[in-house]
């Protein structure tokens, strides 16, 4: 379950004992940058070895707030909405102030920017309608045909979300 109404969640305290029990056997922990998860970061790192964090909308003023999350995270997600610099420059700043190996900047309908530590070039990833994410990348011949049809529609300026009903007719 994901709680997206976070106005009072930041002040709550989550049981370290319950968290430790719940995370046993997990290969990764995904920790949002809400206040209650801050004291759980070392437990997540110790139990799973891999921590991913979502900084939500990072801004110049959030650097201090996000420092603990950046120190623990192997994977960092962030929205482009309030970035103080261009997404590519923000990814570069992640390498300077964190141990993260992967950084992803979500850019809405423009897709996402993927950065991998040690590689100079960030990769731009296209936007896909949410209905396709749970099975992407496709592996069957029929889903490859669907993917090709989506790409063809995108080249003509149509978006997959608008034309999805026609693809399955």
Protein backbone atom coordinates (compact mmCIF):
# COMPACT_ATOMS: atom_id res chain seq x y z
CA UNK A 1 0.00 0.00 0.00
CA UNK A 2 1.26 3.47 -0.84
CA UNK A 3 0.07 6.46 1.16
CA UNK A 4 0.11 9.54 -1.06
CA UNK A 5 -1.51 11.93 1.44
CA UNK A 6 1.62 12.71 3.42
CA UNK A 7 0.65 15.91 5.24
CA UNK A 8 0.79 14.30 8.72
CA UNK A 9 2.89 11.24 7.95
CA UNK A 10 6.22 13.03 8.39
CA UNK A 11 5.71 13.36 12.13
CA UNK A 12 4.80 9.73 12.73
CA UNK A 13 7.15 7.13 14.16
CA UNK A 14 7.32 3.69 12.61
CA UNK A 15 8.31 0.75 14.77
CA UNK A 16 11.91 -0.30 14.07
CA UNK A 17 11.04 -3.78 15.32
CA UNK A 18 8.12 -4.16 12.89
CA UNK A 19 10.19 -2.74 10.05
CA UNK A 20 13.10 -5.10 10.74
CA UNK A 21 10.73 -8.05 10.77
CA UNK A 22 8.98 -6.93 7.57
CA UNK A 23 12.16 -6.36 5.58
CA UNK A 24 13.78 -9.72 6.32
CA UNK A 25 14.48 -11.56 3.08
CA UNK A 26 14.01 -8.49 0.87
CA UNK A 27 16.63 -7.83 -1.79
CA UNK A 28 15.94 -4.09 -1.83
CA UNK A 29 14.16 -1.47 0.26
CA UNK A 30 12.35 1.42 -1.40
CA UNK A 31 12.28 4.33 1.04
CA UNK A 32 10.54 7.61 0.35
CA UNK A 33 12.05 10.73 1.87
CA UNK A 34 9.30 11.21 4.42
CA UNK A 35 10.44 11.87 7.98
CA UNK A 36 9.38 8.57 9.56
CA UNK A 37 11.60 6.57 7.21
CA UNK A 38 14.80 8.48 8.07
CA UNK A 39 15.63 6.43 11.21
CA UNK A 40 14.85 3.23 9.27
CA UNK A 41 17.50 3.84 6.58
CA UNK A 42 20.35 2.07 8.42
CA UNK A 43 18.05 -0.89 9.14
CA UNK A 44 17.04 -1.05 5.47
CA UNK A 45 20.65 -0.93 4.31
CA UNK A 46 21.73 -3.62 6.79
CA UNK A 47 18.86 -5.97 5.98
CA UNK A 48 18.65 -5.67 2.20
CA UNK A 49 21.97 -4.21 1.11
CA UNK A 50 20.23 -2.10 -1.53
CA UNK A 51 18.23 1.04 -0.84
CA UNK A 52 16.26 3.04 -3.38
CA UNK A 53 14.85 6.40 -2.42
CA UNK A 54 12.40 8.80 -4.00
CA UNK A 55 13.32 12.39 -3.24
CA UNK A 56 9.98 13.51 -4.71
CA UNK A 57 10.50 17.12 -5.85
CA UNK A 58 14.02 18.04 -4.78
CA UNK A 59 14.86 21.72 -4.75
CA UNK A 60 17.81 23.87 -3.70
CA UNK A 61 16.25 24.13 -0.23
CA UNK A 62 15.90 20.36 0.21
CA UNK A 63 19.62 19.49 0.07
CA UNK A 64 20.04 19.28 3.84
CA UNK A 65 16.74 17.45 4.32
CA UNK A 66 17.64 14.82 1.71
CA UNK A 67 21.27 14.28 2.82
CA UNK A 68 20.55 11.15 4.91
CA UNK A 69 18.56 9.59 2.08
CA UNK A 70 21.32 10.30 -0.44
CA UNK A 71 23.92 8.83 1.92
CA UNK A 72 22.00 5.55 2.12
CA UNK A 73 20.60 5.23 -1.40
CA UNK A 74 21.99 3.03 -4.16
CA UNK A 75 19.20 4.20 -6.47
CA UNK A 76 17.74 7.73 -6.45
CA UNK A 77 14.47 8.79 -8.05
CA UNK A 78 13.45 12.44 -8.31
CA UNK A 79 10.98 14.57 -10.23
CA UNK A 80 12.24 17.34 -12.51
CA UNK A 81 9.52 19.73 -11.34
CA UNK A 82 11.49 21.81 -8.83
CA UNK A 83 15.08 20.99 -9.73
CA UNK A 84 17.34 24.03 -9.38
CA UNK A 85 19.37 22.92 -12.43
CA UNK A 86 18.87 20.92 -15.63
CA UNK A 87 18.13 17.21 -15.03
CA UNK A 88 21.51 16.10 -16.44
CA UNK A 89 23.32 18.52 -14.10
CA UNK A 90 21.26 17.26 -11.17
CA UNK A 91 22.32 13.68 -11.94
CA UNK A 92 25.95 14.85 -11.91
CA UNK A 93 25.38 16.43 -8.50
CA UNK A 94 24.00 13.11 -7.21
CA UNK A 95 27.37 11.48 -7.93
CA UNK A 96 29.15 14.22 -5.98
CA UNK A 97 27.02 13.93 -2.84
CA UNK A 98 25.91 10.32 -2.61
CA UNK A 99 26.94 6.71 -3.00
CA UNK A 100 24.14 6.04 -5.50
CA UNK A 101 24.89 3.90 -8.53
CA UNK A 102 21.73 4.85 -10.43
CA UNK A 103 19.78 8.12 -10.66
CA UNK A 104 16.46 8.58 -12.44
CA UNK A 105 14.85 11.96 -13.06
CA UNK A 106 11.18 11.68 -13.98
CA UNK A 107 10.19 14.30 -16.54
CA UNK A 108 6.45 13.70 -17.01
CA UNK A 109 5.36 13.35 -20.62
CA UNK A 110 9.00 13.89 -21.70
CA UNK A 111 9.90 10.53 -20.15
CA UNK A 112 12.85 10.13 -17.80
CA UNK A 113 16.58 10.63 -17.65
CA UNK A 114 18.63 7.64 -16.48
CA UNK A 115 22.12 8.13 -15.10
CA UNK A 116 24.51 5.31 -14.17
CA UNK A 117 27.59 6.09 -12.10
CA UNK A 118 30.76 5.81 -14.14
CA UNK A 119 29.07 6.50 -17.46
CA UNK A 120 29.39 9.99 -18.87
CA UNK A 121 26.21 9.95 -20.93
CA UNK A 122 22.75 9.95 -19.36
CA UNK A 123 20.13 8.01 -21.27
CA UNK A 124 16.77 9.59 -22.12
CA UNK A 125 13.92 7.14 -21.72
CA UNK A 126 10.62 7.75 -23.53
CA UNK A 127 7.27 8.10 -21.80
CA UNK A 128 5.01 5.06 -21.91
CA UNK A 129 1.38 4.96 -20.85
CA UNK A 130 1.16 3.45 -17.33
CA UNK A 131 -0.83 0.42 -18.47
CA UNK A 132 2.25 -0.95 -20.21
CA UNK A 133 4.79 -0.57 -17.41
CA UNK A 134 3.95 -3.79 -15.58
CA UNK A 135 4.97 -5.88 -18.61
CA UNK A 136 7.71 -3.77 -20.14
CA UNK A 137 9.86 -4.80 -21.96
CA UNK A 138 7.56 -7.21 -23.78
CA UNK A 139 8.76 -10.69 -24.66
CA UNK A 140 6.05 -12.27 -26.83
CA UNK A 141 5.70 -11.73 -30.58
CA UNK A 142 2.24 -10.18 -30.14
CA UNK A 143 3.51 -7.72 -27.54
CA UNK A 144 6.44 -6.84 -29.80
CA UNK A 145 3.88 -6.02 -32.51
CA UNK A 146 2.06 -3.78 -30.00
CA UNK A 147 5.34 -2.08 -29.07
CA UNK A 148 6.12 -1.48 -32.74
CA UNK A 149 2.63 -0.07 -33.30
CA UNK A 150 3.08 2.29 -30.36
CA UNK A 151 6.40 3.47 -31.77
CA UNK A 152 4.81 4.00 -35.18
CA UNK A 153 2.01 6.09 -33.64
CA UNK A 154 4.53 8.12 -31.64
CA UNK A 155 6.48 8.91 -34.81
CA UNK A 156 3.24 10.26 -36.33
CA UNK A 157 2.69 12.42 -33.23
CA UNK A 158 -0.02 10.35 -31.56
CA UNK A 159 0.37 9.25 -27.96
CA UNK A 160 -0.05 5.62 -26.83
CA UNK A 161 -2.56 6.61 -24.15
CA UNK A 162 -4.94 8.11 -26.69
CA UNK A 163 -4.71 5.34 -29.26
CA UNK A 164 -4.41 2.32 -26.96
CA UNK A 165 -8.02 1.20 -27.57
CA UNK A 166 -7.38 0.96 -31.31
CA UNK A 167 -4.29 -1.22 -30.84
CA UNK A 168 -6.26 -4.09 -29.33
CA UNK A 169 -9.24 -3.96 -31.69
